[in-house]
Amino acid sequence: MVKIKKGWCKVDPREERRLRKRLMTKAEARAFKRRWRLVNEFEKKELRRTSIETRFRQLAALMASAKQLGWDEALSEGEAEVWDRWQRLRKAYGV
């Protein structure tokens, strides 16, 4: 039980021991970060191995979902502005 007295917090020694048991040590934190780094590296490799056809199908499925959910209008709101920006860039770089 945590007791609060005049602006400071006093923790019951039994509660403090229980809380300390739940805290992560530096070694555990490093191991945790290392495991997640390995997971992220694996995911990156897996994504790189994904074929263009699969990526295209996934994109098409996402776009279809957006249309079914009524998000296509919201997504296309800024489309004219983006096209104008690309046109200015093409003209500026002579492409």
PDB file of N, CA and C in Angstrom:
ATOM      1  N   MET A   1       0.835  -1.179   0.000  1.00  0.00           N
ATOM      2  CA  MET A   1       0.000   0.000   0.000  1.00  0.00           C
ATOM      3  C   MET A   1       0.877   1.239   0.000  1.00  0.00           C
ATOM      4  N   VAL A   2       0.533   2.209  -0.813  1.00  0.00           N
ATOM      5  CA  VAL A   2       1.288   3.448  -0.919  1.00  0.00           C
ATOM      6  C   VAL A   2       0.622   4.483  -0.027  1.00  0.00           C
ATOM      7  N   LYS A   3       1.408   5.082   0.871  1.00  0.00           N
ATOM      8  CA  LYS A   3       0.893   6.126   1.746  1.00  0.00           C
ATOM      9  C   LYS A   3       1.459   7.462   1.302  1.00  0.00           C
ATOM     10  N   ILE A   4       0.587   8.436   1.122  1.00  0.00           N
ATOM     11  CA  ILE A   4       1.038   9.759   0.710  1.00  0.00           C
ATOM     12  C   ILE A   4       0.936  10.698   1.896  1.00  0.00           C
ATOM     13  N   LYS A   5       2.072  11.325   2.247  1.00  0.00           N
ATOM     14  CA  LYS A   5       2.105  12.252   3.375  1.00  0.00           C
ATOM     15  C   LYS A   5       2.726  13.567   2.947  1.00  0.00           C
ATOM     16  N   LYS A   6       1.990  14.634   3.021  1.00  0.00           N
ATOM     17  CA  LYS A   6       2.474  15.994   2.805  1.00  0.00           C
ATOM     18  C   LYS A   6       3.456  16.129   1.651  1.00  0.00           C
ATOM     19  N   GLY A   7       3.020  15.780   0.450  1.00  0.00           N
ATOM     20  CA  GLY A   7       3.823  16.020  -0.730  1.00  0.00           C
ATOM     21  C   GLY A   7       4.855  14.966  -1.066  1.00  0.00           C
ATOM     22  N   TRP A   8       5.006  13.936  -0.274  1.00  0.00           N
ATOM     23  CA  TRP A   8       5.940  12.878  -0.639  1.00  0.00           C
ATOM     24  C   TRP A   8       5.242  11.542  -0.501  1.00  0.00           C
ATOM     25  N   CYS A   9       5.793  10.562  -1.091  1.00  0.00           N
ATOM     26  CA  CYS A   9       5.147   9.256  -1.169  1.00  0.00           C
ATOM     27  C   CYS A   9       5.974   8.244  -0.390  1.00  0.00           C
ATOM     28  N   LYS A  10       5.345   7.570   0.544  1.00  0.00           N
ATOM     29  CA  LYS A  10       6.041   6.535   1.302  1.00  0.00           C
ATOM     30  C   LYS A  10       5.472   5.186   0.878  1.00  0.00           C
ATOM     31  N   VAL A  11       6.355   4.297   0.469  1.00  0.00           N
ATOM     32  CA  VAL A  11       5.933   2.988   0.002  1.00  0.00           C
ATOM     33  C   VAL A  11       6.196   1.978   1.105  1.00  0.00           C
ATOM     34  N   ASP A  12       5.195   1.148   1.353  1.00  0.00           N
ATOM     35  CA  ASP A  12       5.330   0.078   2.325  1.00  0.00           C
ATOM     36  C   ASP A  12       6.468  -0.843   1.876  1.00  0.00           C
ATOM     37  N   PRO A  13       7.374  -1.247   2.772  1.00  0.00           N
ATOM     38  CA  PRO A  13       8.518  -2.084   2.375  1.00  0.00           C
ATOM     39  C   PRO A  13       8.115  -3.351   1.614  1.00  0.00           C
ATOM     40  N   ARG A  14       7.004  -3.974   1.997  1.00  0.00           N
ATOM     41  CA  ARG A  14       6.562  -5.176   1.273  1.00  0.00           C
ATOM     42  C   ARG A  14       6.174  -4.828  -0.163  1.00  0.00           C
ATOM     43  N   GLU A  15       5.503  -3.680  -0.333  1.00  0.00           N
ATOM     44  CA  GLU A  15       5.117  -3.224  -1.669  1.00  0.00           C
ATOM     45  C   GLU A  15       6.361  -2.876  -2.488  1.00  0.00           C
ATOM     46  N   GLU A  16       7.343  -2.262  -1.829  1.00  0.00           N
ATOM     47  CA  GLU A  16       8.582  -1.897  -2.523  1.00  0.00           C
ATOM     48  C   GLU A  16       9.289  -3.136  -3.047  1.00  0.00           C
ATOM     49  N   ARG A  17       9.364  -4.199  -2.236  1.00  0.00           N
ATOM     50  CA  ARG A  17       9.989  -5.451  -2.674  1.00  0.00           C
ATOM     51  C   ARG A  17       9.238  -6.036  -3.868  1.00  0.00           C
ATOM     52  N   ARG A  18       7.908  -5.994  -3.811  1.00  0.00           N
ATOM     53  CA  ARG A  18       7.102  -6.516  -4.903  1.00  0.00           C
ATOM     54  C   ARG A  18       7.337  -5.712  -6.177  1.00  0.00           C
ATOM     55  N   LEU A  19       7.413  -4.387  -6.036  1.00  0.00           N
ATOM     56  CA  LEU A  19       7.656  -3.536  -7.197  1.00  0.00           C
ATOM     57  C   LEU A  19       9.048  -3.763  -7.772  1.00  0.00           C
ATOM     58  N   ARG A  20      10.041  -3.918  -6.921  1.00  0.00           N
ATOM     59  CA  ARG A  20      11.408  -4.141  -7.399  1.00  0.00           C
ATOM     60  C   ARG A  20      11.525  -5.446  -8.175  1.00  0.00           C
ATOM     61  N   LYS A  21      10.766  -6.451  -7.774  1.00  0.00           N
ATOM     62  CA  LYS A  21      10.807  -7.734  -8.475  1.00  0.00           C
ATOM     63  C   LYS A  21      10.311  -7.582  -9.903  1.00  0.00           C
ATOM     64  N   ARG A  22       9.416  -6.641 -10.124  1.00  0.00           N
ATOM     65  CA  ARG A  22       8.835  -6.449 -11.448  1.00  0.00           C
ATOM     66  C   ARG A  22       9.703  -5.584 -12.345  1.00  0.00           C
ATOM     67  N   LEU A  23      10.661  -4.844 -11.792  1.00  0.00           N
ATOM     68  CA  LEU A  23      11.491  -3.967 -12.608  1.00  0.00           C
ATOM     69  C   LEU A  23      12.478  -4.782 -13.431  1.00  0.00           C
ATOM     70  N   MET A  24      12.890  -4.223 -14.544  1.00  0.00           N
ATOM     71  CA  MET A  24      13.802  -4.888 -15.457  1.00  0.00           C
ATOM     72  C   MET A  24      15.237  -4.460 -15.144  1.00  0.00           C
ATOM     73  N   THR A  25      16.137  -5.407 -15.135  1.00  0.00           N
ATOM     74  CA  THR A  25      17.546  -5.074 -14.936  1.00  0.00           C
ATOM     75  C   THR A  25      18.127  -4.566 -16.253  1.00  0.00           C
ATOM     76  N   LYS A  26      19.337  -3.994 -16.177  1.00  0.00           N
ATOM     77  CA  LYS A  26      19.988  -3.519 -17.400  1.00  0.00           C
ATOM     78  C   LYS A  26      20.237  -4.670 -18.369  1.00  0.00           C
ATOM     79  N   ALA A  27      20.644  -5.803 -17.832  1.00  0.00           N
ATOM     80  CA  ALA A  27      20.911  -6.966 -18.683  1.00  0.00           C
ATOM     81  C   ALA A  27      19.626  -7.425 -19.372  1.00  0.00           C
ATOM     82  N   GLU A  28      18.519  -7.441 -18.626  1.00  0.00           N
ATOM     83  CA  GLU A  28      17.246  -7.834 -19.214  1.00  0.00           C
ATOM     84  C   GLU A  28      16.802  -6.829 -20.279  1.00  0.00           C
ATOM     85  N   ALA A  29      17.044  -5.553 -20.019  1.00  0.00           N
ATOM     86  CA  ALA A  29      16.674  -4.512 -20.989  1.00  0.00           C
ATOM     87  C   ALA A  29      17.494  -4.668 -22.269  1.00  0.00           C
ATOM     88  N   ARG A  30      18.791  -4.941 -22.116  1.00  0.00           N
ATOM     89  CA  ARG A  30      19.633  -5.144 -23.298  1.00  0.00           C
ATOM     90  C   ARG A  30      19.170  -6.359 -24.093  1.00  0.00           C
ATOM     91  N   ALA A  31      18.845  -7.446 -23.379  1.00  0.00           N
ATOM     92  CA  ALA A  31      18.374  -8.660 -24.054  1.00  0.00           C
ATOM     93  C   ALA A  31      17.053  -8.391 -24.762  1.00  0.00           C
ATOM     94  N   PHE A  32      16.180  -7.635 -24.132  1.00  0.00           N
ATOM     95  CA  PHE A  32      14.893  -7.273 -24.723  1.00  0.00           C
ATOM     96  C   PHE A  32      15.107  -6.502 -26.018  1.00  0.00           C
ATOM     97  N   LYS A  33      15.979  -5.483 -25.980  1.00  0.00           N
ATOM     98  CA  LYS A  33      16.263  -4.689 -27.176  1.00  0.00           C
ATOM     99  C   LYS A  33      16.889  -5.546 -28.266  1.00  0.00           C
ATOM    100  N   ARG A  34      17.791  -6.447 -27.866  1.00  0.00           N
ATOM    101  CA  ARG A  34      18.452  -7.319 -28.837  1.00  0.00           C
ATOM    102  C   ARG A  34      17.442  -8.213 -29.535  1.00  0.00           C
ATOM    103  N   ARG A  35      16.502  -8.787 -28.769  1.00  0.00           N
ATOM    104  CA  ARG A  35      15.482  -9.653 -29.372  1.00  0.00           C
ATOM    105  C   ARG A  35      14.632  -8.875 -30.366  1.00  0.00           C
ATOM    106  N   TRP A  36      14.227  -7.657 -30.011  1.00  0.00           N
ATOM    107  CA  TRP A  36      13.401  -6.874 -30.920  1.00  0.00           C
ATOM    108  C   TRP A  36      14.186  -6.423 -32.143  1.00  0.00           C
ATOM    109  N   ARG A  37      15.485  -6.166 -31.977  1.00  0.00           N
ATOM    110  CA  ARG A  37      16.314  -5.822 -33.127  1.00  0.00           C
ATOM    111  C   ARG A  37      16.355  -7.007 -34.103  1.00  0.00           C
ATOM    112  N   LEU A  38      16.477  -8.227 -33.556  1.00  0.00           N
ATOM    113  CA  LEU A  38      16.473  -9.431 -34.397  1.00  0.00           C
ATOM    114  C   LEU A  38      15.135  -9.599 -35.108  1.00  0.00           C
ATOM    115  N   VAL A  39      14.045  -9.346 -34.400  1.00  0.00           N
ATOM    116  CA  VAL A  39      12.715  -9.435 -35.010  1.00  0.00           C
ATOM    117  C   VAL A  39      12.601  -8.437 -36.150  1.00  0.00           C
ATOM    118  N   ASN A  40      13.038  -7.201 -35.923  1.00  0.00           N
ATOM    119  CA  ASN A  40      12.962  -6.170 -36.963  1.00  0.00           C
ATOM    120  C   ASN A  40      13.819  -6.525 -38.172  1.00  0.00           C
ATOM    121  N   GLU A  41      15.013  -7.049 -37.939  1.00  0.00           N
ATOM    122  CA  GLU A  41      15.872  -7.455 -39.049  1.00  0.00           C
ATOM    123  C   GLU A  41      15.222  -8.568 -39.866  1.00  0.00           C
ATOM    124  N   PHE A  42      14.600  -9.529 -39.177  1.00  0.00           N
ATOM    125  CA  PHE A  42      13.924 -10.621 -39.875  1.00  0.00           C
ATOM    126  C   PHE A  42      12.785 -10.080 -40.725  1.00  0.00           C
ATOM    127  N   GLU A  43      11.997  -9.166 -40.168  1.00  0.00           N
ATOM    128  CA  GLU A  43      10.877  -8.591 -40.921  1.00  0.00           C
ATOM    129  C   GLU A  43      11.369  -7.836 -42.156  1.00  0.00           C
ATOM    130  N   LYS A  44      12.465  -7.097 -42.015  1.00  0.00           N
ATOM    131  CA  LYS A  44      13.012  -6.375 -43.169  1.00  0.00           C
ATOM    132  C   LYS A  44      13.432  -7.346 -44.266  1.00  0.00           C
ATOM    133  N   LYS A  45      14.119  -8.431 -43.874  1.00  0.00           N
ATOM    134  CA  LYS A  45      14.550  -9.426 -44.858  1.00  0.00           C
ATOM    135  C   LYS A  45      13.347 -10.064 -45.537  1.00  0.00           C
ATOM    136  N   GLU A  46      12.325 -10.358 -44.740  1.00  0.00           N
ATOM    137  CA  GLU A  46      11.122 -10.973 -45.282  1.00  0.00           C
ATOM    138  C   GLU A  46      10.435 -10.034 -46.278  1.00  0.00           C
ATOM    139  N   LEU A  47      10.373  -8.756 -45.960  1.00  0.00           N
ATOM    140  CA  LEU A  47       9.764  -7.783 -46.866  1.00  0.00           C
ATOM    141  C   LEU A  47      10.556  -7.642 -48.158  1.00  0.00           C
ATOM    142  N   ARG A  48      11.878  -7.695 -48.060  1.00  0.00           N
ATOM    143  CA  ARG A  48      12.707  -7.600 -49.269  1.00  0.00           C
ATOM    144  C   ARG A  48      12.497  -8.796 -50.187  1.00  0.00           C
ATOM    145  N   ARG A  49      12.199  -9.960 -49.608  1.00  0.00           N
ATOM    146  CA  ARG A  49      11.999 -11.175 -50.407  1.00  0.00           C
ATOM    147  C   ARG A  49      10.620 -11.222 -51.053  1.00  0.00           C
ATOM    148  N   THR A  50       9.707 -10.358 -50.611  1.00  0.00           N
ATOM    149  CA  THR A  50       8.347 -10.366 -51.149  1.00  0.00           C
ATOM    150  C   THR A  50       8.369  -9.921 -52.606  1.00  0.00           C
ATOM    151  N   SER A  51       7.690 -10.680 -53.447  1.00  0.00           N
ATOM    152  CA  SER A  51       7.694 -10.379 -54.882  1.00  0.00           C
ATOM    153  C   SER A  51       6.876  -9.119 -55.166  1.00  0.00           C
ATOM    154  N   ILE A  52       7.156  -8.522 -56.320  1.00  0.00           N
ATOM    155  CA  ILE A  52       6.426  -7.327 -56.752  1.00  0.00           C
ATOM    156  C   ILE A  52       4.946  -7.651 -56.914  1.00  0.00           C
ATOM    157  N   GLU A  53       4.650  -8.841 -57.442  1.00  0.00           N
ATOM    158  CA  GLU A  53       3.249  -9.246 -57.650  1.00  0.00           C
ATOM    159  C   GLU A  53       2.499  -9.288 -56.322  1.00  0.00           C
ATOM    160  N   THR A  54       3.148  -9.858 -55.304  1.00  0.00           N
ATOM    161  CA  THR A  54       2.514  -9.943 -53.986  1.00  0.00           C
ATOM    162  C   THR A  54       2.312  -8.553 -53.401  1.00  0.00           C
ATOM    163  N   ARG A  55       3.328  -7.710 -53.541  1.00  0.00           N
ATOM    164  CA  ARG A  55       3.200  -6.341 -53.030  1.00  0.00           C
ATOM    165  C   ARG A  55       2.061  -5.600 -53.726  1.00  0.00           C
ATOM    166  N   PHE A  56       1.944  -5.812 -55.039  1.00  0.00           N
ATOM    167  CA  PHE A  56       0.882  -5.155 -55.793  1.00  0.00           C
ATOM    168  C   PHE A  56      -0.490  -5.642 -55.332  1.00  0.00           C
ATOM    169  N   ARG A  57      -0.622  -6.970 -55.122  1.00  0.00           N
ATOM    170  CA  ARG A  57      -1.894  -7.517 -54.632  1.00  0.00           C
ATOM    171  C   ARG A  57      -2.237  -6.947 -53.263  1.00  0.00           C
ATOM    172  N   GLN A  58      -1.234  -6.813 -52.390  1.00  0.00           N
ATOM    173  CA  GLN A  58      -1.465  -6.245 -51.063  1.00  0.00           C
ATOM    174  C   GLN A  58      -1.915  -4.788 -51.158  1.00  0.00           C
ATOM    175  N   LEU A  59      -1.257  -4.034 -52.037  1.00  0.00           N
ATOM    176  CA  LEU A  59      -1.644  -2.637 -52.235  1.00  0.00           C
ATOM    177  C   LEU A  59      -3.067  -2.539 -52.784  1.00  0.00           C
ATOM    178  N   ALA A  60      -3.397  -3.401 -53.750  1.00  0.00           N
ATOM    179  CA  ALA A  60      -4.735  -3.397 -54.318  1.00  0.00           C
ATOM    180  C   ALA A  60      -5.781  -3.720 -53.248  1.00  0.00           C
ATOM    181  N   ALA A  61      -5.462  -4.656 -52.368  1.00  0.00           N
ATOM    182  CA  ALA A  61      -6.391  -5.016 -51.286  1.00  0.00           C
ATOM    183  C   ALA A  61      -6.584  -3.837 -50.330  1.00  0.00           C
ATOM    184  N   LEU A  62      -5.496  -3.129 -50.033  1.00  0.00           N
ATOM    185  CA  LEU A  62      -5.602  -1.948 -49.163  1.00  0.00           C
ATOM    186  C   LEU A  62      -6.453  -0.860 -49.802  1.00  0.00           C
ATOM    187  N   MET A  63      -6.228  -0.631 -51.088  1.00  0.00           N
ATOM    188  CA  MET A  63      -6.999   0.398 -51.794  1.00  0.00           C
ATOM    189  C   MET A  63      -8.477   0.017 -51.858  1.00  0.00           C
ATOM    190  N   ALA A  64      -8.772  -1.270 -52.079  1.00  0.00           N
ATOM    191  CA  ALA A  64     -10.164  -1.721 -52.107  1.00  0.00           C
ATOM    192  C   ALA A  64     -10.813  -1.542 -50.740  1.00  0.00           C
ATOM    193  N   SER A  65     -10.053  -1.831 -49.689  1.00  0.00           N
ATOM    194  CA  SER A  65     -10.574  -1.641 -48.331  1.00  0.00           C
ATOM    195  C   SER A  65     -10.878  -0.171 -48.073  1.00  0.00           C
ATOM    196  N   ALA A  66      -9.992   0.702 -48.519  1.00  0.00           N
ATOM    197  CA  ALA A  66     -10.203   2.141 -48.329  1.00  0.00           C
ATOM    198  C   ALA A  66     -11.476   2.578 -49.034  1.00  0.00           C
ATOM    199  N   LYS A  67     -11.710   2.037 -50.223  1.00  0.00           N
ATOM    200  CA  LYS A  67     -12.919   2.404 -50.974  1.00  0.00           C
ATOM    201  C   LYS A  67     -14.168   1.898 -50.258  1.00  0.00           C
ATOM    202  N   GLN A  68     -14.131   0.659 -49.766  1.00  0.00           N
ATOM    203  CA  GLN A  68     -15.278   0.089 -49.072  1.00  0.00           C
ATOM    204  C   GLN A  68     -15.588   0.843 -47.780  1.00  0.00           C
ATOM    205  N   LEU A  69     -14.560   1.358 -47.135  1.00  0.00           N
ATOM    206  CA  LEU A  69     -14.751   2.096 -45.882  1.00  0.00           C
ATOM    207  C   LEU A  69     -15.090   3.565 -46.116  1.00  0.00           C
ATOM    208  N   GLY A  70     -15.109   3.976 -47.386  1.00  0.00           N
ATOM    209  CA  GLY A  70     -15.451   5.358 -47.692  1.00  0.00           C
ATOM    210  C   GLY A  70     -14.298   6.332 -47.487  1.00  0.00           C
ATOM    211  N   TRP A  71     -13.088   5.816 -47.465  1.00  0.00           N
ATOM    212  CA  TRP A  71     -11.914   6.677 -47.246  1.00  0.00           C
ATOM    213  C   TRP A  71     -11.363   7.229 -48.548  1.00  0.00           C
ATOM    214  N   ASP A  72     -11.800   6.716 -49.683  1.00  0.00           N
ATOM    215  CA  ASP A  72     -11.221   7.130 -50.963  1.00  0.00           C
ATOM    216  C   ASP A  72     -11.419   8.621 -51.214  1.00  0.00           C
ATOM    217  N   GLU A  73     -12.554   9.170 -50.780  1.00  0.00           N
ATOM    218  CA  GLU A  73     -12.779  10.603 -50.953  1.00  0.00           C
ATOM    219  C   GLU A  73     -11.796  11.412 -50.111  1.00  0.00           C
ATOM    220  N   ALA A  74     -11.604  10.985 -48.878  1.00  0.00           N
ATOM    221  CA  ALA A  74     -10.678  11.693 -47.999  1.00  0.00           C
ATOM    222  C   ALA A  74      -9.247  11.599 -48.525  1.00  0.00           C
ATOM    223  N   LEU A  75      -8.897  10.443 -49.082  1.00  0.00           N
ATOM    224  CA  LEU A  75      -7.544  10.257 -49.616  1.00  0.00           C
ATOM    225  C   LEU A  75      -7.314  11.102 -50.862  1.00  0.00           C
ATOM    226  N   SER A  76      -8.364  11.321 -51.659  1.00  0.00           N
ATOM    227  CA  SER A  76      -8.195  12.052 -52.907  1.00  0.00           C
ATOM    228  C   SER A  76      -8.329  13.561 -52.747  1.00  0.00           C
ATOM    229  N   GLU A  77      -8.656  14.034 -51.541  1.00  0.00           N
ATOM    230  CA  GLU A  77      -8.840  15.475 -51.333  1.00  0.00           C
ATOM    231  C   GLU A  77      -7.607  16.282 -51.725  1.00  0.00           C
ATOM    232  N   GLY A  78      -6.425  15.841 -51.348  1.00  0.00           N
ATOM    233  CA  GLY A  78      -5.214  16.591 -51.641  1.00  0.00           C
ATOM    234  C   GLY A  78      -4.522  16.172 -52.920  1.00  0.00           C
ATOM    235  N   GLU A  79      -5.179  15.335 -53.698  1.00  0.00           N
ATOM    236  CA  GLU A  79      -4.548  14.779 -54.898  1.00  0.00           C
ATOM    237  C   GLU A  79      -4.193  15.852 -55.933  1.00  0.00           C
ATOM    238  N   ALA A  80      -5.077  16.810 -56.157  1.00  0.00           N
ATOM    239  CA  ALA A  80      -4.815  17.871 -57.138  1.00  0.00           C
ATOM    240  C   ALA A  80      -3.595  18.687 -56.720  1.00  0.00           C
ATOM    241  N   GLU A  81      -3.487  18.945 -55.445  1.00  0.00           N
ATOM    242  CA  GLU A  81      -2.332  19.704 -54.936  1.00  0.00           C
ATOM    243  C   GLU A  81      -1.034  18.935 -55.181  1.00  0.00           C
ATOM    244  N   VAL A  82      -1.071  17.640 -54.962  1.00  0.00           N
ATOM    245  CA  VAL A  82       0.120  16.809 -55.179  1.00  0.00           C
ATOM    246  C   VAL A  82       0.503  16.809 -56.655  1.00  0.00           C
ATOM    247  N   TRP A  83      -0.489  16.665 -57.549  1.00  0.00           N
ATOM    248  CA  TRP A  83      -0.203  16.683 -58.983  1.00  0.00           C
ATOM    249  C   TRP A  83       0.409  18.027 -59.398  1.00  0.00           C
ATOM    250  N   ASP A  84      -0.127  19.124 -58.841  1.00  0.00           N
ATOM    251  CA  ASP A  84       0.428  20.446 -59.151  1.00  0.00           C
ATOM    252  C   ASP A  84       1.884  20.542 -58.706  1.00  0.00           C
ATOM    253  N   ARG A  85       2.158  20.021 -57.533  1.00  0.00           N
ATOM    254  CA  ARG A  85       3.532  20.039 -57.023  1.00  0.00           C
ATOM    255  C   ARG A  85       4.472  19.267 -57.937  1.00  0.00           C
ATOM    256  N   TRP A  86       4.027  18.069 -58.373  1.00  0.00           N
ATOM    257  CA  TRP A  86       4.847  17.269 -59.279  1.00  0.00           C
ATOM    258  C   TRP A  86       5.071  18.002 -60.599  1.00  0.00           C
ATOM    259  N   GLN A  87       4.054  18.666 -61.106  1.00  0.00           N
ATOM    260  CA  GLN A  87       4.195  19.406 -62.357  1.00  0.00           C
ATOM    261  C   GLN A  87       5.229  20.516 -62.209  1.00  0.00           C
ATOM    262  N   ARG A  88       5.193  21.235 -61.079  1.00  0.00           N
ATOM    263  CA  ARG A  88       6.189  22.295 -60.843  1.00  0.00           C
ATOM    264  C   ARG A  88       7.598  21.728 -60.765  1.00  0.00           C
ATOM    265  N   LEU A  89       7.736  20.579 -60.115  1.00  0.00           N
ATOM    266  CA  LEU A  89       9.048  19.928 -60.023  1.00  0.00           C
ATOM    267  C   LEU A  89       9.544  19.485 -61.404  1.00  0.00           C
ATOM    268  N   ARG A  90       8.649  18.910 -62.204  1.00  0.00           N
ATOM    269  CA  ARG A  90       9.032  18.466 -63.557  1.00  0.00           C
ATOM    270  C   ARG A  90       9.500  19.649 -64.401  1.00  0.00           C
ATOM    271  N   LYS A  91       8.774  20.750 -64.294  1.00  0.00           N
ATOM    272  CA  LYS A  91       9.152  21.940 -65.061  1.00  0.00           C
ATOM    273  C   LYS A  91      10.486  22.497 -64.553  1.00  0.00           C
ATOM    274  N   ALA A  92      10.656  22.529 -63.263  1.00  0.00           N
ATOM    275  CA  ALA A  92      11.879  23.088 -62.677  1.00  0.00           C
ATOM    276  C   ALA A  92      13.114  22.265 -63.072  1.00  0.00           C
ATOM    277  N   TYR A  93      12.949  20.947 -63.189  1.00  0.00           N
ATOM    278  CA  TYR A  93      14.083  20.080 -63.505  1.00  0.00           C
ATOM    279  C   TYR A  93      14.095  19.641 -64.960  1.00  0.00           C
ATOM    280  N   GLY A  94      13.162  20.120 -65.765  1.00  0.00           N
ATOM    281  CA  GLY A  94      13.147  19.810 -67.183  1.00  0.00           C
ATOM    282  C   GLY A  94      12.892  18.358 -67.504  1.00  0.00           C
ATOM    283  N   VAL A  95      12.078  17.738 -66.732  1.00  0.00           N
ATOM    284  CA  VAL A  95      11.781  16.304 -66.946  1.00  0.00           C
ATOM    285  C   VAL A  95      10.513  16.164 -67.736  1.00  0.00           C
TER     286      VAL A  95
END
